[in-house]
Amino acid sequence: MMSVKYRVHLMESERGWGQDYWSEDYDSLEEAKERIRKVNADNTSLVAPDWYMQAEERIEAVELKK
């Protein structure tokens, strides 16, 4: 049996330590959009802070086997 998930791609950056990339899967498109909105809502500085997270604006629909 297959189920559809909505994948969000994220990045965390810390000065001196580099960047880390990962993805998270959500059950609905609305949940995925909300995660992107919440993560990116903190990115208001005109310059990059020492630590920050960023979510890409793209969402992938993926089929996962149960």
PDB file of N, CA and C in Angstrom:
ATOM      1  N   MET A   1       0.850  -1.176   0.000  1.00  0.00           N
ATOM      2  CA  MET A   1       0.000   0.000   0.000  1.00  0.00           C
ATOM      3  C   MET A   1       0.900   1.244   0.000  1.00  0.00           C
ATOM      4  N   MET A   2       0.494   2.245  -0.761  1.00  0.00           N
ATOM      5  CA  MET A   2       1.261   3.486  -0.874  1.00  0.00           C
ATOM      6  C   MET A   2       0.493   4.632  -0.206  1.00  0.00           C
ATOM      7  N   SER A   3       1.243   5.576   0.348  1.00  0.00           N
ATOM      8  CA  SER A   3       0.639   6.797   0.879  1.00  0.00           C
ATOM      9  C   SER A   3       1.424   7.997   0.348  1.00  0.00           C
ATOM     10  N   VAL A   4       0.748   9.107   0.197  1.00  0.00           N
ATOM     11  CA  VAL A   4       1.388  10.322  -0.297  1.00  0.00           C
ATOM     12  C   VAL A   4       1.760  11.203   0.891  1.00  0.00           C
ATOM     13  N   LYS A   5       2.988  11.677   0.899  1.00  0.00           N
ATOM     14  CA  LYS A   5       3.481  12.622   1.896  1.00  0.00           C
ATOM     15  C   LYS A   5       3.974  13.863   1.168  1.00  0.00           C
ATOM     16  N   TYR A   6       4.063  14.952   1.897  1.00  0.00           N
ATOM     17  CA  TYR A   6       4.509  16.222   1.331  1.00  0.00           C
ATOM     18  C   TYR A   6       5.836  16.591   1.988  1.00  0.00           C
ATOM     19  N   ARG A   7       6.888  16.602   1.186  1.00  0.00           N
ATOM     20  CA  ARG A   7       8.255  16.745   1.675  1.00  0.00           C
ATOM     21  C   ARG A   7       8.724  18.188   1.599  1.00  0.00           C
ATOM     22  N   VAL A   8       9.257  18.651   2.735  1.00  0.00           N
ATOM     23  CA  VAL A   8       9.830  19.991   2.862  1.00  0.00           C
ATOM     24  C   VAL A   8      11.332  19.830   3.056  1.00  0.00           C
ATOM     25  N   HIS A   9      12.114  20.666   2.389  1.00  0.00           N
ATOM     26  CA  HIS A   9      13.575  20.619   2.477  1.00  0.00           C
ATOM     27  C   HIS A   9      14.064  21.791   3.324  1.00  0.00           C
ATOM     28  N   LEU A  10      14.913  21.466   4.325  1.00  0.00           N
ATOM     29  CA  LEU A  10      15.383  22.472   5.266  1.00  0.00           C
ATOM     30  C   LEU A  10      16.902  22.508   5.321  1.00  0.00           C
ATOM     31  N   MET A  11      17.408  23.647   5.821  1.00  0.00           N
ATOM     32  CA  MET A  11      18.841  23.838   5.979  1.00  0.00           C
ATOM     33  C   MET A  11      19.065  24.589   7.287  1.00  0.00           C
ATOM     34  N   GLU A  12      20.101  24.181   8.011  1.00  0.00           N
ATOM     35  CA  GLU A  12      20.528  24.867   9.220  1.00  0.00           C
ATOM     36  C   GLU A  12      21.962  25.311   8.999  1.00  0.00           C
ATOM     37  N   SER A  13      22.263  26.536   9.355  1.00  0.00           N
ATOM     38  CA  SER A  13      23.610  27.058   9.173  1.00  0.00           C
ATOM     39  C   SER A  13      24.106  27.662  10.472  1.00  0.00           C
ATOM     40  N   GLU A  14      25.346  27.333  10.838  1.00  0.00           N
ATOM     41  CA  GLU A  14      25.969  27.923  12.020  1.00  0.00           C
ATOM     42  C   GLU A  14      27.380  28.331  11.651  1.00  0.00           C
ATOM     43  N   ARG A  15      27.667  29.602  11.871  1.00  0.00           N
ATOM     44  CA  ARG A  15      28.980  30.142  11.532  1.00  0.00           C
ATOM     45  C   ARG A  15      30.065  29.327  12.228  1.00  0.00           C
ATOM     46  N   GLY A  16      31.056  28.919  11.461  1.00  0.00           N
ATOM     47  CA  GLY A  16      32.155  28.130  12.008  1.00  0.00           C
ATOM     48  C   GLY A  16      31.912  26.632  11.996  1.00  0.00           C
ATOM     49  N   TRP A  17      30.662  26.205  11.862  1.00  0.00           N
ATOM     50  CA  TRP A  17      30.326  24.782  11.871  1.00  0.00           C
ATOM     51  C   TRP A  17      29.803  24.305  10.517  1.00  0.00           C
ATOM     52  N   GLY A  18      29.346  25.218   9.677  1.00  0.00           N
ATOM     53  CA  GLY A  18      28.870  24.825   8.357  1.00  0.00           C
ATOM     54  C   GLY A  18      27.371  24.675   8.293  1.00  0.00           C
ATOM     55  N   GLN A  19      26.929  23.898   7.315  1.00  0.00           N
ATOM     56  CA  GLN A  19      25.505  23.738   7.048  1.00  0.00           C
ATOM     57  C   GLN A  19      25.106  22.270   7.108  1.00  0.00           C
ATOM     58  N   ASP A  20      23.855  22.040   7.448  1.00  0.00           N
ATOM     59  CA  ASP A  20      23.276  20.702   7.489  1.00  0.00           C
ATOM     60  C   ASP A  20      21.954  20.759   6.724  1.00  0.00           C
ATOM     61  N   TYR A  21      21.692  19.751   5.912  1.00  0.00           N
ATOM     62  CA  TYR A  21      20.476  19.694   5.092  1.00  0.00           C
ATOM     63  C   TYR A  21      19.686  18.440   5.447  1.00  0.00           C
ATOM     64  N   TRP A  22      18.370  18.545   5.460  1.00  0.00           N
ATOM     65  CA  TRP A  22      17.511  17.396   5.702  1.00  0.00           C
ATOM     66  C   TRP A  22      16.123  17.684   5.149  1.00  0.00           C
ATOM     67  N   SER A  23      15.275  16.668   5.173  1.00  0.00           N
ATOM     68  CA  SER A  23      13.896  16.852   4.730  1.00  0.00           C
ATOM     69  C   SER A  23      12.958  16.287   5.787  1.00  0.00           C
ATOM     70  N   GLU A  24      11.733  16.800   5.790  1.00  0.00           N
ATOM     71  CA  GLU A  24      10.684  16.343   6.691  1.00  0.00           C
ATOM     72  C   GLU A  24       9.438  16.071   5.858  1.00  0.00           C
ATOM     73  N   ASP A  25       8.706  15.019   6.205  1.00  0.00           N
ATOM     74  CA  ASP A  25       7.490  14.649   5.485  1.00  0.00           C
ATOM     75  C   ASP A  25       6.249  14.958   6.321  1.00  0.00           C
ATOM     76  N   TYR A  26       5.222  15.488   5.655  1.00  0.00           N
ATOM     77  CA  TYR A  26       3.973  15.854   6.311  1.00  0.00           C
ATOM     78  C   TYR A  26       2.799  15.173   5.621  1.00  0.00           C
ATOM     79  N   ASP A  27       1.727  14.964   6.381  1.00  0.00           N
ATOM     80  CA  ASP A  27       0.556  14.260   5.867  1.00  0.00           C
ATOM     81  C   ASP A  27      -0.292  15.109   4.924  1.00  0.00           C
ATOM     82  N   SER A  28      -0.200  16.430   5.042  1.00  0.00           N
ATOM     83  CA  SER A  28      -1.025  17.280   4.179  1.00  0.00           C
ATOM     84  C   SER A  28      -0.188  18.427   3.613  1.00  0.00           C
ATOM     85  N   LEU A  29      -0.649  18.944   2.505  1.00  0.00           N
ATOM     86  CA  LEU A  29      -0.001  20.087   1.879  1.00  0.00           C
ATOM     87  C   LEU A  29      -0.045  21.301   2.808  1.00  0.00           C
ATOM     88  N   GLU A  30      -1.142  21.463   3.523  1.00  0.00           N
ATOM     89  CA  GLU A  30      -1.287  22.590   4.443  1.00  0.00           C
ATOM     90  C   GLU A  30      -0.257  22.527   5.568  1.00  0.00           C
ATOM     91  N   GLU A  31      -0.019  21.326   6.107  1.00  0.00           N
ATOM     92  CA  GLU A  31       0.994  21.169   7.160  1.00  0.00           C
ATOM     93  C   GLU A  31       2.384  21.519   6.634  1.00  0.00           C
ATOM     94  N   ALA A  32       2.686  21.085   5.432  1.00  0.00           N
ATOM     95  CA  ALA A  32       3.990  21.378   4.830  1.00  0.00           C
ATOM     96  C   ALA A  32       4.169  22.884   4.628  1.00  0.00           C
ATOM     97  N   LYS A  33       3.144  23.543   4.118  1.00  0.00           N
ATOM     98  CA  LYS A  33       3.210  25.001   3.917  1.00  0.00           C
ATOM     99  C   LYS A  33       3.381  25.732   5.245  1.00  0.00           C
ATOM    100  N   GLU A  34       2.706  25.273   6.276  1.00  0.00           N
ATOM    101  CA  GLU A  34       2.807  25.899   7.595  1.00  0.00           C
ATOM    102  C   GLU A  34       4.221  25.742   8.168  1.00  0.00           C
ATOM    103  N   ARG A  35       4.841  24.583   7.974  1.00  0.00           N
ATOM    104  CA  ARG A  35       6.219  24.374   8.452  1.00  0.00           C
ATOM    105  C   ARG A  35       7.169  25.352   7.758  1.00  0.00           C
ATOM    106  N   ILE A  36       7.032  25.508   6.448  1.00  0.00           N
ATOM    107  CA  ILE A  36       7.868  26.453   5.707  1.00  0.00           C
ATOM    108  C   ILE A  36       7.647  27.863   6.241  1.00  0.00           C
ATOM    109  N   ARG A  37       6.401  28.251   6.433  1.00  0.00           N
ATOM    110  CA  ARG A  37       6.086  29.593   6.918  1.00  0.00           C
ATOM    111  C   ARG A  37       6.698  29.850   8.293  1.00  0.00           C
ATOM    112  N   LYS A  38       6.556  28.880   9.209  1.00  0.00           N
ATOM    113  CA  LYS A  38       7.088  29.046  10.565  1.00  0.00           C
ATOM    114  C   LYS A  38       8.606  29.152  10.576  1.00  0.00           C
ATOM    115  N   VAL A  39       9.274  28.310   9.818  1.00  0.00           N
ATOM    116  CA  VAL A  39      10.741  28.352   9.790  1.00  0.00           C
ATOM    117  C   VAL A  39      11.227  29.672   9.203  1.00  0.00           C
ATOM    118  N   ASN A  40      10.670  30.074   8.082  1.00  0.00           N
ATOM    119  CA  ASN A  40      11.151  31.265   7.391  1.00  0.00           C
ATOM    120  C   ASN A  40      10.679  32.573   8.038  1.00  0.00           C
ATOM    121  N   ALA A  41       9.698  32.516   8.918  1.00  0.00           N
ATOM    122  CA  ALA A  41       9.203  33.717   9.590  1.00  0.00           C
ATOM    123  C   ALA A  41      10.279  34.359  10.467  1.00  0.00           C
ATOM    124  N   ASP A  42      11.237  33.567  10.928  1.00  0.00           N
ATOM    125  CA  ASP A  42      12.309  34.091  11.779  1.00  0.00           C
ATOM    126  C   ASP A  42      13.420  34.754  10.981  1.00  0.00           C
ATOM    127  N   ASN A  43      13.402  34.643   9.672  1.00  0.00           N
ATOM    128  CA  ASN A  43      14.479  35.177   8.830  1.00  0.00           C
ATOM    129  C   ASN A  43      14.163  36.611   8.412  1.00  0.00           C
ATOM    130  N   THR A  44      14.322  37.527   9.362  1.00  0.00           N
ATOM    131  CA  THR A  44      13.977  38.922   9.104  1.00  0.00           C
ATOM    132  C   THR A  44      15.184  39.856   9.102  1.00  0.00           C
ATOM    133  N   SER A  45      16.349  39.343   9.481  1.00  0.00           N
ATOM    134  CA  SER A  45      17.549  40.178   9.557  1.00  0.00           C
ATOM    135  C   SER A  45      18.060  40.533   8.160  1.00  0.00           C
ATOM    136  N   LEU A  46      18.657  41.696   8.039  1.00  0.00           N
ATOM    137  CA  LEU A  46      19.240  42.109   6.762  1.00  0.00           C
ATOM    138  C   LEU A  46      20.563  41.396   6.487  1.00  0.00           C
ATOM    139  N   VAL A  47      21.194  40.873   7.525  1.00  0.00           N
ATOM    140  CA  VAL A  47      22.435  40.101   7.380  1.00  0.00           C
ATOM    141  C   VAL A  47      22.232  38.734   8.019  1.00  0.00           C
ATOM    142  N   ALA A  48      22.994  37.755   7.551  1.00  0.00           N
ATOM    143  CA  ALA A  48      22.865  36.404   8.088  1.00  0.00           C
ATOM    144  C   ALA A  48      23.401  36.355   9.525  1.00  0.00           C
ATOM    145  N   PRO A  49      22.591  35.880  10.474  1.00  0.00           N
ATOM    146  CA  PRO A  49      23.064  35.745  11.857  1.00  0.00           C
ATOM    147  C   PRO A  49      24.024  34.564  11.984  1.00  0.00           C
ATOM    148  N   ASP A  50      24.619  34.394  13.151  1.00  0.00           N
ATOM    149  CA  ASP A  50      25.553  33.297  13.378  1.00  0.00           C
ATOM    150  C   ASP A  50      24.887  31.936  13.213  1.00  0.00           C
ATOM    151  N   TRP A  51      23.601  31.833  13.573  1.00  0.00           N
ATOM    152  CA  TRP A  51      22.858  30.587  13.425  1.00  0.00           C
ATOM    153  C   TRP A  51      21.496  30.909  12.830  1.00  0.00           C
ATOM    154  N   TYR A  52      21.053  30.098  11.880  1.00  0.00           N
ATOM    155  CA  TYR A  52      19.699  30.248  11.352  1.00  0.00           C
ATOM    156  C   TYR A  52      19.261  28.974  10.646  1.00  0.00           C
ATOM    157  N   MET A  53      17.944  28.847  10.466  1.00  0.00           N
ATOM    158  CA  MET A  53      17.345  27.767   9.685  1.00  0.00           C
ATOM    159  C   MET A  53      16.594  28.399   8.527  1.00  0.00           C
ATOM    160  N   GLN A  54      16.512  27.662   7.442  1.00  0.00           N
ATOM    161  CA  GLN A  54      15.776  28.126   6.274  1.00  0.00           C
ATOM    162  C   GLN A  54      15.087  26.931   5.629  1.00  0.00           C
ATOM    163  N   ALA A  55      13.841  27.140   5.209  1.00  0.00           N
ATOM    164  CA  ALA A  55      13.096  26.114   4.478  1.00  0.00           C
ATOM    165  C   ALA A  55      12.972  26.552   3.032  1.00  0.00           C
ATOM    166  N   GLU A  56      13.228  25.618   2.114  1.00  0.00           N
ATOM    167  CA  GLU A  56      13.026  25.926   0.697  1.00  0.00           C
ATOM    168  C   GLU A  56      11.536  26.112   0.441  1.00  0.00           C
ATOM    169  N   GLU A  57      11.212  26.906  -0.547  1.00  0.00           N
ATOM    170  CA  GLU A  57       9.811  27.189  -0.863  1.00  0.00           C
ATOM    171  C   GLU A  57       9.144  26.063  -1.659  1.00  0.00           C
ATOM    172  N   ARG A  58       9.897  25.041  -2.040  1.00  0.00           N
ATOM    173  CA  ARG A  58       9.303  23.950  -2.824  1.00  0.00           C
ATOM    174  C   ARG A  58       8.805  22.833  -1.909  1.00  0.00           C
ATOM    175  N   ILE A  59       7.758  22.177  -2.336  1.00  0.00           N
ATOM    176  CA  ILE A  59       7.200  21.025  -1.635  1.00  0.00           C
ATOM    177  C   ILE A  59       7.094  19.897  -2.640  1.00  0.00           C
ATOM    178  N   GLU A  60       7.603  18.739  -2.273  1.00  0.00           N
ATOM    179  CA  GLU A  60       7.535  17.560  -3.146  1.00  0.00           C
ATOM    180  C   GLU A  60       6.459  16.605  -2.645  1.00  0.00           C
ATOM    181  N   ALA A  61       5.627  16.120  -3.524  1.00  0.00           N
ATOM    182  CA  ALA A  61       4.700  15.050  -3.188  1.00  0.00           C
ATOM    183  C   ALA A  61       5.436  13.735  -3.457  1.00  0.00           C
ATOM    184  N   VAL A  62       5.557  12.901  -2.413  1.00  0.00           N
ATOM    185  CA  VAL A  62       6.276  11.636  -2.544  1.00  0.00           C
ATOM    186  C   VAL A  62       5.366  10.495  -2.112  1.00  0.00           C
ATOM    187  N   GLU A  63       5.529   9.362  -2.785  1.00  0.00           N
ATOM    188  CA  GLU A  63       4.768   8.168  -2.414  1.00  0.00           C
ATOM    189  C   GLU A  63       5.658   7.277  -1.569  1.00  0.00           C
ATOM    190  N   LEU A  64       5.161   6.886  -0.417  1.00  0.00           N
ATOM    191  CA  LEU A  64       5.902   6.031   0.499  1.00  0.00           C
ATOM    192  C   LEU A  64       5.149   4.716   0.679  1.00  0.00           C
ATOM    193  N   LYS A  65       5.892   3.636   0.754  1.00  0.00           N
ATOM    194  CA  LYS A  65       5.283   2.335   1.010  1.00  0.00           C
ATOM    195  C   LYS A  65       4.996   2.221   2.493  1.00  0.00           C
ATOM    196  N   LYS A  66       3.834   1.679   2.805  1.00  0.00           N
ATOM    197  CA  LYS A  66       3.474   1.447   4.215  1.00  0.00           C
ATOM    198  C   LYS A  66       3.867   0.070   4.637  1.00  0.00           C
TER     199      LYS A  66
END
